[in-house]
Amino acid sequence: MEGLIADLGPPQPFYPLGVSVPTYVANTMSTSVLLSIFAAGCGSLFLPTYVFATRSRPGISLGEVLIAFWWVLCGFIHFFFEGYFSLNHFDMAGRNDLFGQMWKEYAMSDSRYMTRDPFVVCMETVTAVLWGPLSWFIAYAVVDARRSRTVERTTELTPSLSKAGLSPPIRVAMDGAVGVVSEPRGAAGEARRGEARRGMWKGGEGRRRTLMRRDAAKRADVERGWRAEAIGAERGRLYPRLNQFMNVPVWNQPAEERAHRFE
């Protein structure tokens, strides 16, 4: 029994408790300190993101700024925090730098992060390499609002689903759009995005598209009416005699009046 306990290495807090983590070194910082540092690091990203967003597009809405915040934060967590795990997974239990202690705190309920589990290592590597840069691209596309942009928005499943062995990356619909989003520039683009957001909250993608088609048809009818009125007014101004002739039958008028009409 003593030999078996010795093989398990020093006492470790990861679940399941019987797993062998021979290189484990206890953290020197408490959970509250680690959480405070993590929150401060996340908050420090928001100010430069806000400055970049407002200077790049002064008319950007608050909702789009918050979306950019989210994707910038996702990019830093994926690329740096999870990239750190991918590079140092072989001796993570013995590392006592800041990220090492954060990962040991995170792994309290899942010892696979401390035992070099193949699935976890592959999952975190793919997430760091792909989802990190992709998150930054999405944040830039949200701020830039180009006329035509391709945005494939990705997220992760909850940690419980990841622990169950499911693949974390999935595609989600955010702001009513997945895939290709084509938007005009300027005020027209802002108006269309506003209509899209209102339609999304009123009943989803189908409802949004129905409302947009209905609004487009109404605008087309109004424009046709304006054009007809303008053409009629211009014709009456330039050809008053012709307009009078077209409205009153000539053959019902006396001969002297008919001659006067064509003077």
Protein backbone atom coordinates (compact mmCIF):
# COMPACT_ATOMS: atom_id res chain seq x y z
CA MET A 1 0.00 0.00 0.00
CA GLU A 2 2.79 2.41 0.86
CA GLY A 3 4.47 1.63 -2.45
CA LEU A 4 1.24 2.38 -4.35
CA ILE A 5 0.86 5.73 -2.56
CA ALA A 6 4.49 6.55 -3.31
CA ASP A 7 3.88 5.85 -7.02
CA LEU A 8 1.06 8.38 -7.04
CA GLY A 9 3.47 11.15 -6.04
CA PRO A 10 2.70 14.02 -3.66
CA PRO A 11 -0.93 14.68 -2.61
CA GLN A 12 -2.78 16.57 -5.33
CA PRO A 13 -6.24 18.26 -5.41
CA PHE A 14 -7.32 17.24 -8.90
CA TYR A 15 -10.33 15.02 -9.49
CA PRO A 16 -10.44 12.09 -9.57
CA LEU A 17 -8.24 12.11 -6.49
CA GLY A 18 -6.59 8.79 -7.29
CA VAL A 19 -4.95 9.96 -10.51
CA SER A 20 -1.17 10.04 -10.66
CA VAL A 21 0.38 13.52 -11.00
CA PRO A 22 3.99 12.89 -9.90
CA THR A 23 5.34 16.35 -10.83
CA TYR A 24 2.65 18.33 -8.98
CA VAL A 25 3.77 21.48 -7.15
CA ALA A 26 1.22 23.39 -5.07
CA ASN A 27 0.20 26.92 -6.10
CA THR A 28 1.61 29.88 -4.22
CA MET A 29 -1.34 32.21 -5.08
CA SER A 30 -4.88 31.79 -3.81
CA THR A 31 -7.94 31.40 -6.01
CA SER A 32 -9.14 34.95 -5.33
CA VAL A 33 -5.78 36.42 -6.32
CA LEU A 34 -5.70 34.44 -9.56
CA LEU A 35 -9.25 35.48 -10.41
CA SER A 36 -8.45 39.13 -9.71
CA ILE A 37 -5.40 39.04 -11.96
CA PHE A 38 -7.37 37.32 -14.70
CA ALA A 39 -10.21 39.87 -14.48
CA ALA A 40 -7.75 42.77 -14.56
CA GLY A 41 -6.03 41.32 -17.61
CA CYS A 42 -9.34 40.93 -19.42
CA GLY A 43 -10.39 44.46 -18.50
CA SER A 44 -7.14 45.92 -19.80
CA LEU A 45 -8.10 44.78 -23.30
CA PHE A 46 -11.31 46.79 -23.41
CA LEU A 47 -9.88 50.32 -23.47
CA PRO A 48 -7.61 49.87 -26.54
CA THR A 49 -10.41 47.97 -28.27
CA TYR A 50 -12.85 50.81 -27.60
CA VAL A 51 -10.37 53.44 -28.82
CA PHE A 52 -9.64 51.48 -32.00
CA ALA A 53 -13.34 50.86 -32.71
CA THR A 54 -14.48 54.45 -32.21
CA ARG A 55 -11.60 55.94 -34.20
CA SER A 56 -11.95 53.46 -37.05
CA ARG A 57 -15.72 53.99 -37.32
CA PRO A 58 -17.06 56.98 -35.36
CA GLY A 59 -20.68 55.95 -35.93
CA ILE A 60 -20.30 52.45 -34.50
CA SER A 61 -23.12 51.37 -32.19
CA LEU A 62 -22.71 50.27 -28.59
CA GLY A 63 -23.85 46.75 -29.46
CA GLU A 64 -21.14 46.37 -32.09
CA VAL A 65 -18.52 47.67 -29.66
CA LEU A 66 -19.59 45.05 -27.11
CA ILE A 67 -19.42 42.33 -29.76
CA ALA A 68 -15.91 43.48 -30.67
CA PHE A 69 -14.97 43.38 -26.95
CA TRP A 70 -16.14 39.78 -26.74
CA TRP A 71 -14.23 38.57 -29.78
CA VAL A 72 -11.02 40.37 -28.83
CA LEU A 73 -11.19 38.74 -25.39
CA CYS A 74 -11.84 35.34 -26.98
CA GLY A 75 -8.84 35.79 -29.25
CA PHE A 76 -6.46 36.59 -26.40
CA ILE A 77 -7.72 33.72 -24.24
CA HIS A 78 -7.51 31.22 -27.10
CA PHE A 79 -4.18 32.31 -28.51
CA PHE A 80 -2.16 33.14 -25.40
CA PHE A 81 -3.74 31.24 -22.50
CA GLU A 82 -4.59 28.06 -24.37
CA GLY A 83 -1.49 28.37 -26.52
CA TYR A 84 0.54 28.38 -23.30
CA PHE A 85 -1.06 25.07 -22.34
CA SER A 86 -0.35 23.60 -25.77
CA LEU A 87 3.35 24.46 -25.48
CA ASN A 88 3.83 23.45 -21.82
CA HIS A 89 1.38 20.56 -21.32
CA PHE A 90 4.20 18.07 -20.68
CA ASP A 91 5.07 19.56 -17.26
CA MET A 92 2.04 21.74 -16.47
CA ALA A 93 1.60 20.30 -12.96
CA GLY A 94 5.04 21.50 -11.91
CA ARG A 95 4.90 25.02 -13.35
CA ASN A 96 4.37 27.88 -10.89
CA ASP A 97 4.38 30.93 -13.14
CA LEU A 98 1.15 32.92 -13.54
CA PHE A 99 -0.39 30.95 -16.39
CA GLY A 100 0.78 27.67 -14.88
CA GLN A 101 -1.00 28.40 -11.60
CA MET A 102 -4.12 29.51 -13.47
CA TRP A 103 -4.18 26.25 -15.39
CA LYS A 104 -3.75 24.23 -12.20
CA GLU A 105 -6.65 26.14 -10.67
CA TYR A 106 -8.74 25.51 -13.78
CA ALA A 107 -7.89 21.78 -13.72
CA MET A 108 -9.15 21.21 -10.16
CA SER A 109 -12.27 19.49 -11.51
CA ASP A 110 -10.64 17.83 -14.51
CA SER A 111 -7.25 16.18 -14.04
CA ARG A 112 -6.86 15.54 -17.78
CA TYR A 113 -5.20 18.95 -18.08
CA MET A 114 -2.47 17.74 -15.72
CA THR A 115 -1.99 14.25 -17.20
CA ARG A 116 -1.34 15.14 -20.86
CA ASP A 117 -4.62 13.66 -22.07
CA PRO A 118 -4.32 13.37 -25.91
CA PHE A 119 -7.79 14.70 -26.62
CA VAL A 120 -7.38 17.74 -24.36
CA VAL A 121 -3.96 18.58 -25.81
CA CYS A 122 -5.21 18.31 -29.40
CA MET A 123 -8.36 20.28 -28.60
CA GLU A 124 -6.49 23.15 -26.96
CA THR A 125 -3.87 23.24 -29.73
CA VAL A 126 -6.48 23.51 -32.48
CA THR A 127 -8.34 26.15 -30.49
CA ALA A 128 -5.21 28.24 -29.97
CA VAL A 129 -4.01 28.02 -33.58
CA LEU A 130 -7.35 28.49 -35.35
CA TRP A 131 -9.94 30.09 -33.08
CA GLY A 132 -7.58 32.71 -31.64
CA PRO A 133 -6.70 34.46 -34.94
CA LEU A 134 -10.22 33.87 -36.25
CA SER A 135 -11.69 35.66 -33.23
CA TRP A 136 -9.48 38.68 -33.91
CA PHE A 137 -10.54 38.68 -37.55
CA ILE A 138 -14.20 38.64 -36.53
CA ALA A 139 -13.63 41.56 -34.15
CA TYR A 140 -11.93 43.53 -36.94
CA ALA A 141 -14.74 42.72 -39.39
CA VAL A 142 -17.37 43.90 -36.89
CA VAL A 143 -15.56 47.21 -36.42
CA ASP A 144 -14.64 47.67 -40.08
CA ALA A 145 -18.15 46.94 -41.45
CA ARG A 146 -16.93 46.56 -45.01
CA ARG A 147 -19.38 46.42 -47.90
CA SER A 148 -18.90 42.71 -48.33
CA ARG A 149 -17.34 40.53 -45.66
CA THR A 150 -17.26 36.83 -44.93
CA VAL A 151 -17.57 36.14 -41.23
CA GLU A 152 -17.77 32.63 -39.90
CA ARG A 153 -18.40 33.07 -36.20
CA THR A 154 -17.27 30.30 -33.91
CA THR A 155 -17.59 29.61 -30.22
CA GLU A 156 -17.04 26.81 -27.78
CA LEU A 157 -19.39 24.50 -26.01
CA THR A 158 -19.56 24.69 -22.23
CA PRO A 159 -16.76 23.02 -20.23
CA SER A 160 -19.15 20.25 -19.21
CA LEU A 161 -19.69 19.27 -22.85
CA SER A 162 -15.96 19.45 -23.51
CA LYS A 163 -15.31 17.14 -20.55
CA ALA A 164 -17.84 14.72 -22.02
CA GLY A 165 -15.57 14.37 -25.03
CA LEU A 166 -17.52 16.48 -27.50
CA SER A 167 -15.80 18.70 -30.04
CA PRO A 168 -15.85 22.30 -28.79
CA PRO A 169 -16.01 24.38 -31.97
CA ILE A 170 -19.51 25.04 -33.34
CA ARG A 171 -20.93 27.68 -35.62
CA VAL A 172 -23.44 30.05 -34.09
CA ALA A 173 -25.67 32.81 -35.35
CA MET A 174 -24.77 36.14 -33.77
CA ASP A 175 -26.49 39.36 -34.67
CA GLY A 176 -28.67 37.43 -37.13
CA ALA A 177 -25.87 36.44 -39.51
CA VAL A 178 -23.74 33.40 -40.24
CA GLY A 179 -21.54 33.11 -43.28
CA VAL A 180 -21.65 35.88 -45.86
CA VAL A 181 -22.91 39.27 -44.74
CA SER A 182 -23.26 41.90 -47.45
CA GLU A 183 -23.91 45.44 -46.30
CA PRO A 184 -23.68 48.81 -48.05
CA ARG A 185 -21.58 51.61 -46.67
CA GLY A 186 -22.68 54.77 -44.93
CA ALA A 187 -26.14 55.69 -43.68
CA ALA A 188 -27.83 53.07 -45.86
CA GLY A 189 -25.72 50.34 -44.28
CA GLU A 190 -26.48 51.55 -40.77
CA ALA A 191 -30.21 51.65 -41.57
CA ARG A 192 -30.15 48.14 -42.99
CA ARG A 193 -28.25 46.77 -40.01
CA GLY A 194 -30.76 48.44 -37.69
CA GLU A 195 -33.63 46.82 -39.57
CA ALA A 196 -31.86 43.46 -39.42
CA ARG A 197 -31.37 43.69 -35.66
CA ARG A 198 -34.99 44.70 -35.09
CA GLY A 199 -36.23 41.87 -37.26
CA MET A 200 -34.01 39.34 -35.48
CA TRP A 201 -35.46 40.26 -32.07
CA LYS A 202 -39.02 40.08 -33.42
CA GLY A 203 -38.85 36.49 -34.52
CA GLY A 204 -35.61 35.19 -35.94
CA GLU A 205 -33.98 35.03 -39.33
CA GLY A 206 -37.12 34.21 -41.32
CA ARG A 207 -39.08 37.04 -39.74
CA ARG A 208 -36.20 39.45 -40.35
CA ARG A 209 -36.00 38.57 -44.03
CA THR A 210 -39.77 38.90 -44.44
CA LEU A 211 -39.73 42.37 -42.89
CA MET A 212 -36.80 43.45 -45.05
CA ARG A 213 -38.56 42.26 -48.24
CA ARG A 214 -41.75 44.05 -47.18
CA ASP A 215 -39.90 47.28 -46.46
CA ALA A 216 -38.07 47.07 -49.79
CA ALA A 217 -41.39 46.63 -51.64
CA LYS A 218 -42.89 49.63 -49.84
CA ARG A 219 -39.88 51.78 -50.68
CA ALA A 220 -40.10 50.73 -54.33
CA ASP A 221 -43.81 51.66 -54.48
CA VAL A 222 -43.12 55.07 -52.96
CA GLU A 223 -40.27 55.71 -55.38
CA ARG A 224 -42.47 54.76 -58.37
CA GLY A 225 -45.14 57.17 -57.16
CA TRP A 226 -42.59 59.95 -56.80
CA ARG A 227 -41.28 59.33 -60.30
CA ALA A 228 -44.79 59.38 -61.78
CA GLU A 229 -45.60 62.67 -60.06
CA ALA A 230 -42.32 64.20 -61.18
CA ILE A 231 -42.87 63.12 -64.79
CA GLY A 232 -46.40 64.51 -64.77
CA ALA A 233 -45.31 67.84 -63.32
CA GLU A 234 -42.46 68.18 -65.82
CA ARG A 235 -44.71 67.34 -68.74
CA GLY A 236 -47.28 69.90 -67.62
CA ARG A 237 -44.61 72.57 -67.29
CA LEU A 238 -42.95 71.97 -70.66
CA TYR A 239 -45.98 71.09 -72.79
CA PRO A 240 -49.00 72.96 -71.42
CA ARG A 241 -50.66 73.16 -74.83
CA LEU A 242 -50.09 69.46 -75.50
CA ASN A 243 -51.35 68.57 -72.04
CA GLN A 244 -54.50 70.62 -72.64
CA PHE A 245 -54.95 69.04 -76.03
CA MET A 246 -54.65 65.54 -74.55
CA ASN A 247 -57.21 66.26 -71.84
CA VAL A 248 -59.94 67.92 -74.00
CA PRO A 249 -61.18 66.31 -77.24
CA VAL A 250 -60.52 68.68 -80.18
CA TRP A 251 -63.41 67.49 -82.31
CA ASN A 252 -65.95 68.73 -79.77
CA GLN A 253 -64.72 72.36 -80.03
CA PRO A 254 -65.74 75.03 -82.56
CA ALA A 255 -63.43 75.57 -85.51
CA GLU A 256 -62.17 78.96 -84.28
CA GLU A 257 -61.24 77.46 -80.89
CA ARG A 258 -59.48 74.56 -82.57
CA ALA A 259 -57.44 77.00 -84.64
CA HIS A 260 -56.63 79.06 -81.54
CA ARG A 261 -55.35 75.98 -79.72
CA PHE A 262 -52.64 75.42 -82.33
CA GLU A 263 -51.39 79.03 -82.64
